């Protein structure tokens, strides 16, 4: 039954209250950076897309608008450290933007040009800034959490001010030769052209960019787990560098795992970094997206403001997710142990195939073709010439 009282003759319906319009001109602003994490397997990537609302940035935009921290997404000067694809997670992902403030007396806080002197005078400032972390986490999905913020200069850009990015990728040990993988991984360190370890399409900006990057360190470490079987131990690849190319880590994982499976030798990495040996990328597939995490984004001279209460709640939430996944993992491991024991064959490939297929993100063929013998992708120079010809054709039509 409705709680609304019916109108009798002679009465007029009560007018619905108009929503109060938030006047952004009556509030000062400042530029901040904030750190956040997200569980990427629940989202269609970080960056907003026209065909889906299930992106991390879309949820951030809605949270920022709902809390009245911004009034216009296109005008808040939003920048992010690094974009991640569908399924990929991040921990210390970093973004920067201009938001509402309540501390007009603090350094870096300013008023909009069209804010009147009357509004500025009437504003009652505070000594402590808005609780940005609590405000955002109060409306964000639980798999996206903000855990640190800091004031930054108006010139700060989350992408271009980053000095170091670190990615982590976890995968089952299976029957991989970790020593071969470590040898191969060490060859990636240094400043090289990594065009044979990335995706290159006909995007004009990508074709014009440099493919030289600097990798500071690469490690392949076995993670101690409670597994009773060695093949179910986990391994973690950690790569730290100045910056990375499109799909670069996932291509590196594919090559390292083929070396770990003894299909290739560690020297393959050195050969693929030599454009005289491999003028263009041999055709090979991407590793799975789920195990990849942009784990850290490094900045010089930044001290993050952390809310201890939010931190405790965030840890508690992650613990619940971790415990859920661990319990399910243990359940499956018990099943695998008994099922494997029923097999009459003791061939290693029979009990590790699924683990390799998870990482490779494709069925494993019974035959293997060496990278040196595979068809090569179209070279960058060829694509650049095609794009130039296409642009000439467009200009002639116009």
Protein backbone atom coordinates (compact mmCIF):
# COMPACT_ATOMS: atom_id res chain seq x y z
CA UNK A 1 0.00 0.00 0.00
CA UNK A 2 1.28 3.46 -0.90
CA UNK A 3 2.24 5.83 1.92
CA UNK A 4 1.24 8.84 -0.17
CA UNK A 5 -1.98 10.55 1.02
CA UNK A 6 -4.60 10.91 -1.71
CA UNK A 7 -5.71 14.47 -2.47
CA UNK A 8 -9.30 15.38 -1.59
CA UNK A 9 -11.46 17.89 -3.46
CA UNK A 10 -10.15 21.40 -3.13
CA UNK A 11 -6.59 20.32 -2.29
CA UNK A 12 -3.63 20.71 -4.60
CA UNK A 13 -0.84 18.11 -4.77
CA UNK A 14 2.35 19.06 -2.97
CA UNK A 15 5.07 20.08 -5.38
CA UNK A 16 8.10 17.83 -5.40
CA UNK A 17 11.13 19.49 -3.85
CA UNK A 18 13.65 20.58 -6.40
CA UNK A 19 17.09 19.06 -6.03
CA UNK A 20 19.55 21.61 -4.72
CA UNK A 21 22.09 22.55 -7.37
CA UNK A 22 25.70 22.38 -6.16
CA UNK A 23 27.49 25.64 -6.96
CA UNK A 24 31.09 24.79 -7.79
CA UNK A 25 31.98 28.43 -8.24
CA UNK A 26 31.41 28.87 -4.49
CA UNK A 27 34.26 26.46 -3.69
CA UNK A 28 38.03 26.70 -4.23
CA UNK A 29 39.93 23.97 -6.08
CA UNK A 30 43.28 22.25 -6.11
CA UNK A 31 45.16 19.65 -8.10
CA UNK A 32 45.80 16.34 -6.35
CA UNK A 33 47.17 12.90 -7.17
CA UNK A 34 45.73 9.75 -5.64
CA UNK A 35 46.74 6.09 -5.50
CA UNK A 36 44.21 3.31 -5.95
CA UNK A 37 43.96 -0.38 -6.70
CA UNK A 38 41.44 -2.47 -8.60
CA UNK A 39 40.83 -6.15 -9.30
CA UNK A 40 40.97 -6.07 -13.07
CA UNK A 41 39.26 -9.39 -13.78
CA UNK A 42 35.94 -7.71 -12.94
CA UNK A 43 36.35 -4.83 -15.41
CA UNK A 44 36.68 -4.16 -19.13
CA UNK A 45 39.94 -2.27 -18.65
CA UNK A 46 40.98 0.99 -16.99
CA UNK A 47 40.21 3.59 -19.66
CA UNK A 48 36.67 4.66 -20.50
CA UNK A 49 35.22 3.16 -23.67
CA UNK A 50 32.16 4.07 -25.79
CA UNK A 51 30.70 0.55 -25.79
CA UNK A 52 30.78 -0.29 -22.06
CA UNK A 53 30.35 1.40 -18.69
CA UNK A 54 32.20 -1.39 -16.89
CA UNK A 55 35.59 0.31 -16.84
CA UNK A 56 37.54 1.47 -13.80
CA UNK A 57 37.65 5.07 -15.02
CA UNK A 58 33.90 5.16 -15.57
CA UNK A 59 33.35 4.13 -11.94
CA UNK A 60 35.89 6.74 -10.82
CA UNK A 61 34.15 9.41 -12.88
CA UNK A 62 30.76 8.55 -11.37
CA UNK A 63 32.24 8.61 -7.85
CA UNK A 64 33.92 11.99 -8.41
CA UNK A 65 30.70 13.50 -9.79
CA UNK A 66 28.50 11.96 -7.08
CA UNK A 67 30.69 13.38 -4.30
CA UNK A 68 30.82 16.78 -6.06
CA UNK A 69 34.61 16.66 -6.18
CA UNK A 70 34.39 17.58 -9.85
CA UNK A 71 31.64 19.13 -11.94
CA UNK A 72 32.90 18.16 -15.41
CA UNK A 73 35.00 15.11 -16.26
CA UNK A 74 36.30 16.67 -19.48
CA UNK A 75 37.53 19.77 -17.64
CA UNK A 76 39.18 18.24 -14.55
CA UNK A 77 42.58 17.61 -16.28
CA UNK A 78 42.50 13.88 -15.47
CA UNK A 79 45.68 11.89 -16.16
CA UNK A 80 46.61 8.34 -15.25
CA UNK A 81 50.02 6.68 -14.87
CA UNK A 82 49.48 3.74 -17.20
CA UNK A 83 46.50 2.22 -18.96
CA UNK A 84 45.68 -1.43 -18.30
CA UNK A 85 43.66 -3.72 -20.56
CA UNK A 86 40.61 -5.82 -19.82
CA UNK A 87 41.30 -8.34 -17.05
CA UNK A 88 44.53 -6.67 -15.87
CA UNK A 89 44.73 -5.47 -12.25
CA UNK A 90 46.67 -2.64 -10.60
CA UNK A 91 47.86 -1.86 -7.09
CA UNK A 92 49.59 1.54 -6.84
CA UNK A 93 47.90 2.90 -9.94
CA UNK A 94 48.08 6.68 -9.86
CA UNK A 95 45.82 9.41 -11.23
CA UNK A 96 45.87 13.21 -11.01
CA UNK A 97 43.10 15.77 -11.46
CA UNK A 98 41.70 19.08 -10.23
CA UNK A 99 39.09 18.68 -7.47
CA UNK A 100 37.06 20.73 -5.02
CA UNK A 101 38.86 21.94 -1.89
CA UNK A 102 37.82 23.47 1.44
CA UNK A 103 41.17 25.08 2.33
CA UNK A 104 41.58 28.35 0.40
CA UNK A 105 44.57 29.35 2.51
CA UNK A 106 46.72 26.35 1.60
CA UNK A 107 49.42 26.34 -1.07
CA UNK A 108 48.17 25.36 -4.52
CA UNK A 109 44.49 26.03 -3.74
CA UNK A 110 42.85 28.46 -6.16
CA UNK A 111 39.50 29.86 -7.23
CA UNK A 112 37.93 29.52 -10.66
CA UNK A 113 38.35 32.67 -12.78
CA UNK A 114 34.58 33.23 -12.88
CA UNK A 115 34.08 32.90 -9.10
CA UNK A 116 32.90 36.27 -7.82
CA UNK A 117 34.51 38.14 -4.93
CA UNK A 118 31.20 37.83 -3.10
CA UNK A 119 31.38 34.01 -3.25
CA UNK A 120 35.02 34.00 -2.15
CA UNK A 121 34.27 36.25 0.83
CA UNK A 122 31.23 34.19 1.89
CA UNK A 123 33.14 30.89 1.81
CA UNK A 124 33.95 29.49 5.24
CA UNK A 125 37.28 27.74 4.90
CA UNK A 126 38.67 24.94 7.06
CA UNK A 127 42.11 23.99 8.32
CA UNK A 128 41.80 20.33 7.31
CA UNK A 129 41.18 19.25 3.73
CA UNK A 130 38.21 17.22 2.57
CA UNK A 131 38.49 13.50 3.33
CA UNK A 132 39.00 12.56 -0.30
CA UNK A 133 39.77 8.90 0.38
CA UNK A 134 36.67 8.26 2.52
CA UNK A 135 34.44 10.22 0.17
CA UNK A 136 35.46 8.21 -2.89
CA UNK A 137 35.56 4.80 -1.23
CA UNK A 138 32.07 5.44 0.12
CA UNK A 139 30.61 5.31 -3.40
CA UNK A 140 33.13 3.20 -5.36
CA UNK A 141 32.72 -0.58 -5.92
CA UNK A 142 34.57 -2.60 -3.27
CA UNK A 143 36.98 -3.93 -5.91
CA UNK A 144 38.22 -0.36 -6.55
CA UNK A 145 39.79 1.32 -3.51
CA UNK A 146 41.60 4.64 -3.07
CA UNK A 147 44.21 4.51 -0.30
CA UNK A 148 46.43 7.59 -0.64
CA UNK A 149 46.42 11.17 -1.93
CA UNK A 150 48.72 14.18 -2.08
CA UNK A 151 48.61 17.79 -3.31
CA UNK A 152 50.58 18.30 -6.56
CA UNK A 153 51.54 21.26 -8.73
CA UNK A 154 49.30 22.41 -11.57
CA UNK A 155 51.85 21.01 -14.07
CA UNK A 156 51.86 17.51 -12.57
CA UNK A 157 50.91 14.69 -14.94
CA UNK A 158 50.46 11.16 -13.56
CA UNK A 159 51.90 9.62 -16.73
CA UNK A 160 54.82 11.89 -17.58
CA UNK A 161 56.00 12.49 -13.99
CA UNK A 162 56.29 8.76 -13.28
CA UNK A 163 59.93 7.63 -13.09
CA UNK A 164 59.46 3.88 -12.61
CA UNK A 165 56.73 1.33 -13.28
CA UNK A 166 56.71 -2.19 -11.90
CA UNK A 167 54.60 -5.09 -13.16
CA UNK A 168 54.07 -8.48 -11.54
CA UNK A 169 52.84 -11.65 -13.26
CA UNK A 170 52.11 -14.87 -11.32
CA UNK A 171 51.85 -18.32 -12.92
CA UNK A 172 52.07 -22.02 -11.96
CA UNK A 173 55.54 -23.57 -11.91
CA UNK A 174 54.34 -26.71 -13.74
CA UNK A 175 57.46 -28.31 -15.28
CA UNK A 176 59.14 -25.03 -16.23
CA UNK A 177 62.93 -24.74 -16.10
CA UNK A 178 63.24 -21.64 -13.90
CA UNK A 179 67.01 -21.34 -14.34
CA UNK A 180 66.63 -21.05 -18.10
CA UNK A 181 63.89 -18.48 -17.57
CA UNK A 182 66.11 -16.44 -15.22
CA UNK A 183 68.95 -16.52 -17.74
CA UNK A 184 66.57 -15.32 -20.46
CA UNK A 185 64.99 -12.66 -18.22
CA UNK A 186 68.39 -11.13 -17.37
CA UNK A 187 68.95 -10.45 -21.09
CA UNK A 188 65.94 -8.10 -21.13
CA UNK A 189 67.63 -5.67 -18.72
CA UNK A 190 69.01 -2.48 -20.24
CA UNK A 191 67.97 0.04 -22.87
CA UNK A 192 66.73 -1.68 -26.02
CA UNK A 193 64.27 -1.50 -28.88
CA UNK A 194 61.48 -3.83 -27.67
CA UNK A 195 59.37 -3.72 -30.86
CA UNK A 196 59.53 -7.54 -31.07
CA UNK A 197 57.87 -7.74 -27.64
CA UNK A 198 54.75 -5.64 -28.20
CA UNK A 199 51.61 -5.14 -30.27
CA UNK A 200 51.90 -2.68 -33.15
CA UNK A 201 48.78 -1.66 -35.04
CA UNK A 202 48.06 1.05 -37.62
CA UNK A 203 47.51 3.69 -34.92
CA UNK A 204 49.37 6.81 -36.08
CA UNK A 205 50.66 7.75 -32.62
CA UNK A 206 52.03 4.24 -32.01
CA UNK A 207 53.76 4.14 -35.38
CA UNK A 208 55.44 7.47 -34.75
CA UNK A 209 56.60 6.69 -31.21
CA UNK A 210 59.98 5.29 -30.18
CA UNK A 211 60.08 1.61 -29.24
CA UNK A 212 63.15 2.05 -27.08
CA UNK A 213 62.56 1.60 -23.38
CA UNK A 214 64.79 1.00 -20.35
CA UNK A 215 64.24 -2.04 -18.13
CA UNK A 216 65.92 -1.77 -14.73
CA UNK A 217 65.36 -5.28 -13.38
CA UNK A 218 63.64 -8.59 -14.13
CA UNK A 219 63.26 -11.37 -11.55
CA UNK A 220 61.70 -14.83 -11.67
CA UNK A 221 61.01 -16.06 -8.13
CA UNK A 222 59.32 -19.15 -6.80
CA UNK A 223 56.65 -18.29 -4.22
CA UNK A 224 56.34 -20.48 -1.14
CA UNK A 225 52.84 -22.01 -1.00
CA UNK A 226 51.11 -24.75 0.95
CA UNK A 227 50.78 -26.94 -2.13
CA UNK A 228 51.76 -30.57 -1.68
CA UNK A 229 52.75 -30.94 -5.34
CA UNK A 230 55.69 -29.07 -6.86
CA UNK A 231 53.91 -28.38 -10.16
CA UNK A 232 51.29 -26.31 -8.31
CA UNK A 233 53.85 -24.02 -6.69
CA UNK A 234 53.52 -20.46 -7.97
CA UNK A 235 56.17 -18.37 -9.72
CA UNK A 236 56.20 -14.58 -9.90
CA UNK A 237 57.79 -12.52 -12.65
CA UNK A 238 58.60 -8.92 -11.61
CA UNK A 239 59.63 -6.39 -14.25
CA UNK A 240 60.63 -2.80 -13.42
CA UNK A 241 61.38 -0.14 -16.02
CA UNK A 242 60.99 3.44 -17.18
CA UNK A 243 57.92 2.55 -19.23
CA UNK A 244 56.36 -0.22 -21.26
CA UNK A 245 54.84 -0.75 -24.68
CA UNK A 246 51.38 -2.07 -25.52
CA UNK A 247 51.01 -5.69 -24.26
CA UNK A 248 54.79 -5.79 -23.64
CA UNK A 249 54.72 -7.78 -20.39
CA UNK A 250 52.29 -10.39 -21.71
CA UNK A 251 54.45 -10.92 -24.82
CA UNK A 252 57.54 -11.26 -22.61
CA UNK A 253 55.75 -13.90 -20.51
CA UNK A 254 54.92 -15.93 -23.63
CA UNK A 255 58.55 -15.98 -24.77
CA UNK A 256 59.95 -16.74 -21.29
CA UNK A 257 57.51 -19.63 -20.83
CA UNK A 258 58.49 -21.19 -24.17
CA UNK A 259 62.08 -21.02 -22.95
CA UNK A 260 61.02 -22.49 -19.59
CA UNK A 261 59.29 -25.35 -21.43
CA UNK A 262 62.65 -25.99 -23.19
CA UNK A 263 61.19 -25.24 -26.61
CA UNK A 264 63.65 -22.36 -27.02
CA UNK A 265 67.01 -21.35 -25.56
CA UNK A 266 67.64 -18.20 -23.45
CA UNK A 267 69.62 -16.76 -26.39
CA UNK A 268 66.29 -16.18 -28.15
CA UNK A 269 65.80 -13.01 -26.04
CA UNK A 270 69.11 -11.54 -27.23
CA UNK A 271 68.27 -12.44 -30.82
CA UNK A 272 64.82 -10.81 -30.65
CA UNK A 273 66.37 -7.62 -29.25
CA UNK A 274 68.69 -7.55 -32.29
CA UNK A 275 66.68 -6.09 -35.18
CA UNK A 276 69.26 -7.43 -37.64
CA UNK A 277 68.39 -10.96 -36.59
CA UNK A 278 64.63 -10.32 -36.17
CA UNK A 279 63.74 -7.23 -38.28
CA UNK A 280 60.09 -7.72 -37.29
CA UNK A 281 58.20 -9.68 -34.66
CA UNK A 282 57.66 -13.40 -35.23
CA UNK A 283 54.02 -14.39 -34.93
CA UNK A 284 53.22 -15.53 -31.39
CA UNK A 285 50.30 -15.04 -29.02
CA UNK A 286 49.72 -13.03 -25.84
CA UNK A 287 49.89 -14.61 -22.40
CA UNK A 288 46.73 -14.53 -20.26
CA UNK A 289 45.64 -11.16 -18.86
CA UNK A 290 44.34 -12.28 -15.44
CA UNK A 291 47.73 -12.82 -13.68
CA UNK A 292 49.07 -9.40 -14.69
CA UNK A 293 49.20 -6.51 -12.22
CA UNK A 294 50.61 -3.00 -12.59
CA UNK A 295 51.99 -3.16 -9.07
CA UNK A 296 53.80 0.15 -8.54
CA UNK A 297 54.15 3.61 -10.06
CA UNK A 298 57.14 5.55 -8.71
CA UNK A 299 57.39 9.33 -8.27
CA UNK A 300 60.15 11.48 -6.85
CA UNK A 301 59.49 13.80 -3.92
CA UNK A 302 55.94 12.65 -3.20
CA UNK A 303 54.67 11.80 0.29
CA UNK A 304 51.26 10.17 0.23
CA UNK A 305 48.61 11.02 2.84
CA UNK A 306 47.18 7.77 4.20
CA UNK A 307 44.02 7.31 6.28
CA UNK A 308 44.71 4.55 8.83
CA UNK A 309 41.01 3.78 9.32
CA UNK A 310 40.45 3.34 5.59
CA UNK A 311 43.62 1.27 5.37
CA UNK A 312 42.38 -1.17 8.03
CA UNK A 313 39.00 -1.54 6.31
CA UNK A 314 40.73 -2.07 2.95
CA UNK A 315 43.02 -4.75 4.37
CA UNK A 316 40.02 -6.50 5.90
CA UNK A 317 38.21 -6.48 2.55
CA UNK A 318 41.20 -7.92 0.69
CA UNK A 319 41.64 -10.59 3.36
CA UNK A 320 38.09 -11.80 2.75
CA UNK A 321 38.66 -11.98 -1.00
CA UNK A 322 42.01 -13.73 -0.50
CA UNK A 323 40.51 -16.29 1.91
CA UNK A 324 37.64 -17.01 -0.51
CA UNK A 325 40.01 -17.63 -3.42
CA UNK A 326 42.44 -19.66 -1.29
CA UNK A 327 39.63 -21.90 -0.01
CA UNK A 328 38.42 -22.53 -3.57
CA UNK A 329 41.98 -23.13 -4.73
CA UNK A 330 42.54 -25.72 -1.99
CA UNK A 331 39.32 -27.47 -2.87
CA UNK A 332 40.37 -27.76 -6.51
CA UNK A 333 43.87 -28.89 -5.54
CA UNK A 334 42.47 -31.75 -3.48
CA UNK A 335 40.39 -32.85 -6.47
CA UNK A 336 43.39 -32.60 -8.80
CA UNK A 337 45.49 -34.70 -6.43
CA UNK A 338 43.04 -37.58 -6.44
CA UNK A 339 42.30 -37.37 -10.17
CA UNK A 340 46.01 -37.35 -11.03
CA UNK A 341 46.49 -40.40 -8.81
CA UNK A 342 43.99 -42.32 -10.94
CA UNK A 343 46.11 -41.90 -14.08
CA UNK A 344 48.10 -44.86 -15.36
CA UNK A 345 50.43 -42.65 -17.41
CA UNK A 346 53.21 -40.80 -15.59
CA UNK A 347 54.13 -38.49 -18.49
CA UNK A 348 54.79 -34.98 -17.15
CA UNK A 349 53.10 -33.23 -20.06
CA UNK A 350 49.83 -35.01 -19.26
CA UNK A 351 49.57 -33.39 -15.82
CA UNK A 352 50.91 -29.92 -16.69
CA UNK A 353 49.12 -29.20 -19.98
CA UNK A 354 46.27 -27.24 -18.38
CA UNK A 355 48.73 -25.11 -16.40
CA UNK A 356 50.61 -24.13 -19.56
CA UNK A 357 47.39 -23.48 -21.46
CA UNK A 358 46.26 -21.11 -18.71
CA UNK A 359 49.37 -18.96 -19.11
CA UNK A 360 49.53 -19.20 -22.90
CA UNK A 361 45.77 -18.48 -23.10
CA UNK A 362 45.38 -20.99 -25.94
CA UNK A 363 45.42 -24.75 -26.58
CA UNK A 364 48.92 -26.24 -26.58
CA UNK A 365 49.76 -27.91 -29.89
CA UNK A 366 51.46 -31.31 -30.01
CA UNK A 367 53.97 -29.85 -32.50
CA UNK A 368 56.14 -26.81 -31.87
CA UNK A 369 57.52 -24.36 -34.41
CA UNK A 370 60.67 -22.45 -33.48
CA UNK A 371 60.42 -18.64 -33.37
CA UNK A 372 63.13 -18.38 -36.04
CA UNK A 373 60.99 -20.43 -38.44
CA UNK A 374 57.69 -18.63 -37.86
CA UNK A 375 56.10 -16.10 -40.19
CA UNK A 376 56.99 -12.54 -39.34
CA UNK A 377 54.57 -9.70 -38.67
CA UNK A 378 54.60 -6.72 -40.98
CA UNK A 379 57.52 -4.44 -40.14
CA UNK A 380 57.08 -1.01 -38.56
CA UNK A 381 58.62 0.68 -41.62
CA UNK A 382 56.13 -1.06 -43.92
CA UNK A 383 53.23 0.08 -41.73
CA UNK A 384 54.57 3.64 -41.63
CA UNK A 385 54.77 3.74 -45.45
CA UNK A 386 51.19 2.42 -45.71
CA UNK A 387 49.95 5.06 -43.28
CA UNK A 388 51.79 7.84 -45.15
CA UNK A 389 50.25 6.71 -48.45
CA UNK A 390 46.81 6.59 -46.84
CA UNK A 391 47.21 10.14 -45.49
CA UNK A 392 48.29 11.41 -48.94
CA UNK A 393 45.24 9.77 -50.48
CA UNK A 394 42.97 11.47 -47.92
CA UNK A 395 44.52 14.89 -48.53
CA UNK A 396 44.05 14.52 -52.30
CA UNK A 397 40.35 13.69 -51.83
CA UNK A 398 39.88 16.75 -49.62
